[in-house]
């Protein structure tokens, strides 16, 4: 996935939000980590992959895509916090895991590992793991990029309206 444009868009949105809320001097890293974990949970809830007790199907694909993209926003934002926005591409790795529940759990582990290390290697592993989840959910890079752009516009609108 070519991330340069996405990083630029996220950096502009982050700057706008931080300026609007007087957060320029705040360390937002842990809040962004928690926000990412919450977004991952919301995505899992929409996929219903772990709800063995229920016969209700997963949400529609467009809802899952929107929830997925919410996570992309925070992954990008965390990369910016650590100075990784020069990463031009995040390569897709071979999909070994075929179970969405296990992939969600792996992502949670990668988030925590990155939170502690703040290393580029752990960041790339987190991003790759999240993109592997996209594959499991039937989402492709073009869909993700287009949905990201659309949601980025929504986020600006929300800021203008006092969200």
C-alpha atoms as a PDB file:
ATOM      1  CA  UNK A   1       0.000   0.000   0.000  1.00  0.00           C
ATOM      2  CA  UNK A   2       1.377   3.395  -0.977  1.00  0.00           C
ATOM      3  CA  UNK A   3       1.124   5.387   2.227  1.00  0.00           C
ATOM      4  CA  UNK A   4       2.734   8.739   1.370  1.00  0.00           C
ATOM      5  CA  UNK A   5      -0.564  10.441   0.493  1.00  0.00           C
ATOM      6  CA  UNK A   6      -2.329   8.865   3.454  1.00  0.00           C
ATOM      7  CA  UNK A   7       0.394  10.001   5.859  1.00  0.00           C
ATOM      8  CA  UNK A   8       0.193  13.549   4.457  1.00  0.00           C
ATOM      9  CA  UNK A   9      -3.578  13.624   4.825  1.00  0.00           C
ATOM     10  CA  UNK A  10      -3.402  12.229   8.356  1.00  0.00           C
ATOM     11  CA  UNK A  11      -0.677  14.682   9.370  1.00  0.00           C
ATOM     12  CA  UNK A  12      -2.838  17.579   8.192  1.00  0.00           C
ATOM     13  CA  UNK A  13      -5.888  16.227  10.038  1.00  0.00           C
ATOM     14  CA  UNK A  14      -3.879  15.626  13.218  1.00  0.00           C
ATOM     15  CA  UNK A  15      -2.497  19.174  13.043  1.00  0.00           C
ATOM     16  CA  UNK A  16      -5.974  20.589  12.555  1.00  0.00           C
ATOM     17  CA  UNK A  17      -7.400  18.637  15.497  1.00  0.00           C
ATOM     18  CA  UNK A  18      -4.474  19.466  17.780  1.00  0.00           C
ATOM     19  CA  UNK A  19      -4.764  23.144  16.895  1.00  0.00           C
ATOM     20  CA  UNK A  20      -8.550  23.223  17.360  1.00  0.00           C
ATOM     21  CA  UNK A  21      -8.296  21.570  20.758  1.00  0.00           C
ATOM     22  CA  UNK A  22      -5.072  23.277  21.943  1.00  0.00           C
ATOM     23  CA  UNK A  23      -3.197  19.986  22.113  1.00  0.00           C
ATOM     24  CA  UNK A  24       0.018  20.979  20.305  1.00  0.00           C
ATOM     25  CA  UNK A  25       2.090  20.541  23.470  1.00  0.00           C
ATOM     26  CA  UNK A  26       0.373  17.341  24.647  1.00  0.00           C
ATOM     27  CA  UNK A  27       1.827  13.848  24.415  1.00  0.00           C
ATOM     28  CA  UNK A  28      -1.045  12.040  22.705  1.00  0.00           C
ATOM     29  CA  UNK A  29       0.705   8.730  22.042  1.00  0.00           C
ATOM     30  CA  UNK A  30      -1.026   6.626  24.710  1.00  0.00           C
ATOM     31  CA  UNK A  31      -4.413   8.185  23.955  1.00  0.00           C
ATOM     32  CA  UNK A  32      -3.944   7.301  20.297  1.00  0.00           C
ATOM     33  CA  UNK A  33      -2.950   3.752  21.247  1.00  0.00           C
ATOM     34  CA  UNK A  34      -6.096   3.398  23.336  1.00  0.00           C
ATOM     35  CA  UNK A  35      -8.193   4.907  20.541  1.00  0.00           C
ATOM     36  CA  UNK A  36      -6.712   2.357  18.120  1.00  0.00           C
ATOM     37  CA  UNK A  37      -7.486  -0.516  20.471  1.00  0.00           C
ATOM     38  CA  UNK A  38     -11.079   0.713  20.810  1.00  0.00           C
ATOM     39  CA  UNK A  39     -11.426   1.021  17.023  1.00  0.00           C
ATOM     40  CA  UNK A  40     -10.073  -2.508  16.560  1.00  0.00           C
ATOM     41  CA  UNK A  41     -12.675  -3.726  19.055  1.00  0.00           C
ATOM     42  CA  UNK A  42     -15.439  -1.885  17.224  1.00  0.00           C
ATOM     43  CA  UNK A  43     -14.295  -3.509  13.980  1.00  0.00           C
ATOM     44  CA  UNK A  44     -14.281  -6.951  15.610  1.00  0.00           C
ATOM     45  CA  UNK A  45     -17.782  -6.290  16.876  1.00  0.00           C
ATOM     46  CA  UNK A  46     -19.007  -5.503  13.348  1.00  0.00           C
ATOM     47  CA  UNK A  47     -17.392  -8.641  11.906  1.00  0.00           C
ATOM     48  CA  UNK A  48     -18.896 -10.734  14.712  1.00  0.00           C
ATOM     49  CA  UNK A  49     -16.098 -13.250  14.074  1.00  0.00           C
ATOM     50  CA  UNK A  50     -15.780 -14.097  17.763  1.00  0.00           C
ATOM     51  CA  UNK A  51     -19.498 -14.324  18.553  1.00  0.00           C
ATOM     52  CA  UNK A  52     -19.814 -18.092  18.558  1.00  0.00           C
ATOM     53  CA  UNK A  53     -23.061 -17.810  20.546  1.00  0.00           C
ATOM     54  CA  UNK A  54     -24.892 -15.837  17.860  1.00  0.00           C
ATOM     55  CA  UNK A  55     -26.260 -16.652  14.431  1.00  0.00           C
ATOM     56  CA  UNK A  56     -26.589 -12.997  13.425  1.00  0.00           C
ATOM     57  CA  UNK A  57     -24.359 -12.319  10.379  1.00  0.00           C
ATOM     58  CA  UNK A  58     -21.561  -9.773  10.129  1.00  0.00           C
ATOM     59  CA  UNK A  59     -22.446  -6.196   9.284  1.00  0.00           C
ATOM     60  CA  UNK A  60     -22.543  -5.081   5.670  1.00  0.00           C
ATOM     61  CA  UNK A  61     -19.162  -4.755   3.972  1.00  0.00           C
ATOM     62  CA  UNK A  62     -19.361  -0.937   3.779  1.00  0.00           C
ATOM     63  CA  UNK A  63     -19.788  -0.724   7.564  1.00  0.00           C
ATOM     64  CA  UNK A  64     -16.851  -3.076   8.113  1.00  0.00           C
ATOM     65  CA  UNK A  65     -14.758  -1.025   5.670  1.00  0.00           C
ATOM     66  CA  UNK A  66     -15.581   2.204   7.498  1.00  0.00           C
ATOM     67  CA  UNK A  67     -14.646   0.659  10.848  1.00  0.00           C
ATOM     68  CA  UNK A  68     -11.445  -0.723   9.356  1.00  0.00           C
ATOM     69  CA  UNK A  69     -10.491   2.713   8.050  1.00  0.00           C
ATOM     70  CA  UNK A  70     -11.000   4.227  11.518  1.00  0.00           C
ATOM     71  CA  UNK A  71      -8.153   1.975  12.623  1.00  0.00           C
ATOM     72  CA  UNK A  72      -6.023   3.081   9.670  1.00  0.00           C
ATOM     73  CA  UNK A  73      -6.398   6.686  10.829  1.00  0.00           C
ATOM     74  CA  UNK A  74      -4.919   5.879  14.227  1.00  0.00           C
ATOM     75  CA  UNK A  75      -2.195   3.599  12.850  1.00  0.00           C
ATOM     76  CA  UNK A  76      -1.084   6.413  10.547  1.00  0.00           C
ATOM     77  CA  UNK A  77      -1.296   8.934  13.370  1.00  0.00           C
ATOM     78  CA  UNK A  78       0.876   6.769  15.609  1.00  0.00           C
ATOM     79  CA  UNK A  79       3.416   6.425  12.812  1.00  0.00           C
ATOM     80  CA  UNK A  80       3.523  10.201  12.499  1.00  0.00           C
ATOM     81  CA  UNK A  81       4.029  10.515  16.267  1.00  0.00           C
ATOM     82  CA  UNK A  82       7.148   8.347  15.908  1.00  0.00           C
ATOM     83  CA  UNK A  83       8.460   9.990  12.729  1.00  0.00           C
ATOM     84  CA  UNK A  84       7.711   7.097  10.394  1.00  0.00           C
ATOM     85  CA  UNK A  85       5.695   9.017   7.794  1.00  0.00           C
ATOM     86  CA  UNK A  86       8.511   8.574   5.266  1.00  0.00           C
ATOM     87  CA  UNK A  87       7.476   4.939   4.847  1.00  0.00           C
ATOM     88  CA  UNK A  88       6.375   4.919   1.233  1.00  0.00           C
ATOM     89  CA  UNK A  89       4.858   1.494   1.193  1.00  0.00           C
ATOM     90  CA  UNK A  90       3.697  -1.100   3.603  1.00  0.00           C
ATOM     91  CA  UNK A  91       4.193  -4.382   1.840  1.00  0.00           C
ATOM     92  CA  UNK A  92       1.528  -6.988   2.052  1.00  0.00           C
ATOM     93  CA  UNK A  93       2.839 -10.159   3.534  1.00  0.00           C
ATOM     94  CA  UNK A  94       1.719 -13.664   2.837  1.00  0.00           C
ATOM     95  CA  UNK A  95      -1.524 -14.512   4.540  1.00  0.00           C
ATOM     96  CA  UNK A  96      -0.856 -17.458   6.840  1.00  0.00           C
ATOM     97  CA  UNK A  97      -3.667 -16.995   9.328  1.00  0.00           C
ATOM     98  CA  UNK A  98      -7.110 -17.844   8.044  1.00  0.00           C
ATOM     99  CA  UNK A  99      -8.979 -17.077  11.250  1.00  0.00           C
ATOM    100  CA  UNK A 100     -10.127 -13.501  11.844  1.00  0.00           C
ATOM    101  CA  UNK A 101     -10.366 -13.969  15.604  1.00  0.00           C
ATOM    102  CA  UNK A 102      -6.729 -15.033  15.824  1.00  0.00           C
ATOM    103  CA  UNK A 103      -5.737 -12.148  13.553  1.00  0.00           C
ATOM    104  CA  UNK A 104      -7.528  -9.645  15.792  1.00  0.00           C
ATOM    105  CA  UNK A 105      -5.668 -11.056  18.793  1.00  0.00           C
ATOM    106  CA  UNK A 106      -2.356 -10.838  16.925  1.00  0.00           C
ATOM    107  CA  UNK A 107      -3.063  -7.188  16.120  1.00  0.00           C
ATOM    108  CA  UNK A 108      -3.741  -6.422  19.781  1.00  0.00           C
ATOM    109  CA  UNK A 109      -0.361  -8.000  20.608  1.00  0.00           C
ATOM    110  CA  UNK A 110       1.383  -5.943  17.918  1.00  0.00           C
ATOM    111  CA  UNK A 111      -0.204  -2.751  19.230  1.00  0.00           C
ATOM    112  CA  UNK A 112       1.099  -3.446  22.725  1.00  0.00           C
ATOM    113  CA  UNK A 113       4.552  -4.404  21.463  1.00  0.00           C
ATOM    114  CA  UNK A 114       4.746  -1.189  19.435  1.00  0.00           C
ATOM    115  CA  UNK A 115       3.456   0.861  22.364  1.00  0.00           C
ATOM    116  CA  UNK A 116       6.413  -0.283  24.446  1.00  0.00           C
ATOM    117  CA  UNK A 117       9.144  -0.211  21.782  1.00  0.00           C
ATOM    118  CA  UNK A 118       7.997   2.583  19.464  1.00  0.00           C
ATOM    119  CA  UNK A 119      10.332   0.980  16.926  1.00  0.00           C
ATOM    120  CA  UNK A 120       9.912   1.204  13.182  1.00  0.00           C
ATOM    121  CA  UNK A 121      10.087  -2.580  12.869  1.00  0.00           C
ATOM    122  CA  UNK A 122       7.242  -3.099  15.340  1.00  0.00           C
ATOM    123  CA  UNK A 123       5.249  -0.334  13.641  1.00  0.00           C
ATOM    124  CA  UNK A 124       5.620  -2.005  10.237  1.00  0.00           C
ATOM    125  CA  UNK A 125       4.606  -5.371  11.741  1.00  0.00           C
ATOM    126  CA  UNK A 126       1.517  -3.742  13.270  1.00  0.00           C
ATOM    127  CA  UNK A 127       0.541  -2.128   9.963  1.00  0.00           C
ATOM    128  CA  UNK A 128       1.181  -5.339   8.020  1.00  0.00           C
ATOM    129  CA  UNK A 129      -0.845  -7.348  10.504  1.00  0.00           C
ATOM    130  CA  UNK A 130      -3.730  -4.905  10.128  1.00  0.00           C
ATOM    131  CA  UNK A 131      -3.540  -5.208   6.336  1.00  0.00           C
ATOM    132  CA  UNK A 132      -3.590  -8.994   6.680  1.00  0.00           C
ATOM    133  CA  UNK A 133      -6.856  -8.566   8.549  1.00  0.00           C
ATOM    134  CA  UNK A 134      -8.162  -6.543   5.612  1.00  0.00           C
ATOM    135  CA  UNK A 135      -7.437  -9.495   3.333  1.00  0.00           C
ATOM    136  CA  UNK A 136      -9.296 -11.839   5.673  1.00  0.00           C
ATOM    137  CA  UNK A 137     -12.250  -9.440   5.642  1.00  0.00           C
ATOM    138  CA  UNK A 138     -12.263  -9.271   1.833  1.00  0.00           C
ATOM    139  CA  UNK A 139     -11.036  -5.662   1.633  1.00  0.00           C
ATOM    140  CA  UNK A 140      -8.521  -4.566  -0.973  1.00  0.00           C
ATOM    141  CA  UNK A 141      -6.071  -1.661  -0.959  1.00  0.00           C
ATOM    142  CA  UNK A 142      -8.069   0.479  -3.399  1.00  0.00           C
ATOM    143  CA  UNK A 143     -11.199   0.164  -1.275  1.00  0.00           C
ATOM    144  CA  UNK A 144      -9.213   1.042   1.840  1.00  0.00           C
ATOM    145  CA  UNK A 145      -7.579   4.097   0.265  1.00  0.00           C
ATOM    146  CA  UNK A 146     -10.860   5.423  -1.138  1.00  0.00           C
ATOM    147  CA  UNK A 147     -12.675   4.851   2.147  1.00  0.00           C
ATOM    148  CA  UNK A 148      -9.821   6.540   4.020  1.00  0.00           C
ATOM    149  CA  UNK A 149     -10.096   9.639   1.820  1.00  0.00           C
ATOM    150  CA  UNK A 150     -13.864   9.732   2.305  1.00  0.00           C
ATOM    151  CA  UNK A 151     -13.621   9.289   6.089  1.00  0.00           C
ATOM    152  CA  UNK A 152     -10.883  11.927   6.286  1.00  0.00           C
ATOM    153  CA  UNK A 153     -13.326  14.429   4.786  1.00  0.00           C
ATOM    154  CA  UNK A 154     -15.993  13.330   7.283  1.00  0.00           C
ATOM    155  CA  UNK A 155     -13.530  13.872  10.134  1.00  0.00           C
ATOM    156  CA  UNK A 156     -12.833  17.441   8.980  1.00  0.00           C
ATOM    157  CA  UNK A 157     -16.569  18.081   8.754  1.00  0.00           C
ATOM    158  CA  UNK A 158     -17.046  16.734  12.264  1.00  0.00           C
ATOM    159  CA  UNK A 159     -14.374  19.133  13.536  1.00  0.00           C
ATOM    160  CA  UNK A 160     -16.097  22.063  11.840  1.00  0.00           C
ATOM    161  CA  UNK A 161     -19.345  21.073  13.534  1.00  0.00           C
ATOM    162  CA  UNK A 162     -17.920  20.780  17.036  1.00  0.00           C
ATOM    163  CA  UNK A 163     -17.663  16.974  17.227  1.00  0.00           C
END
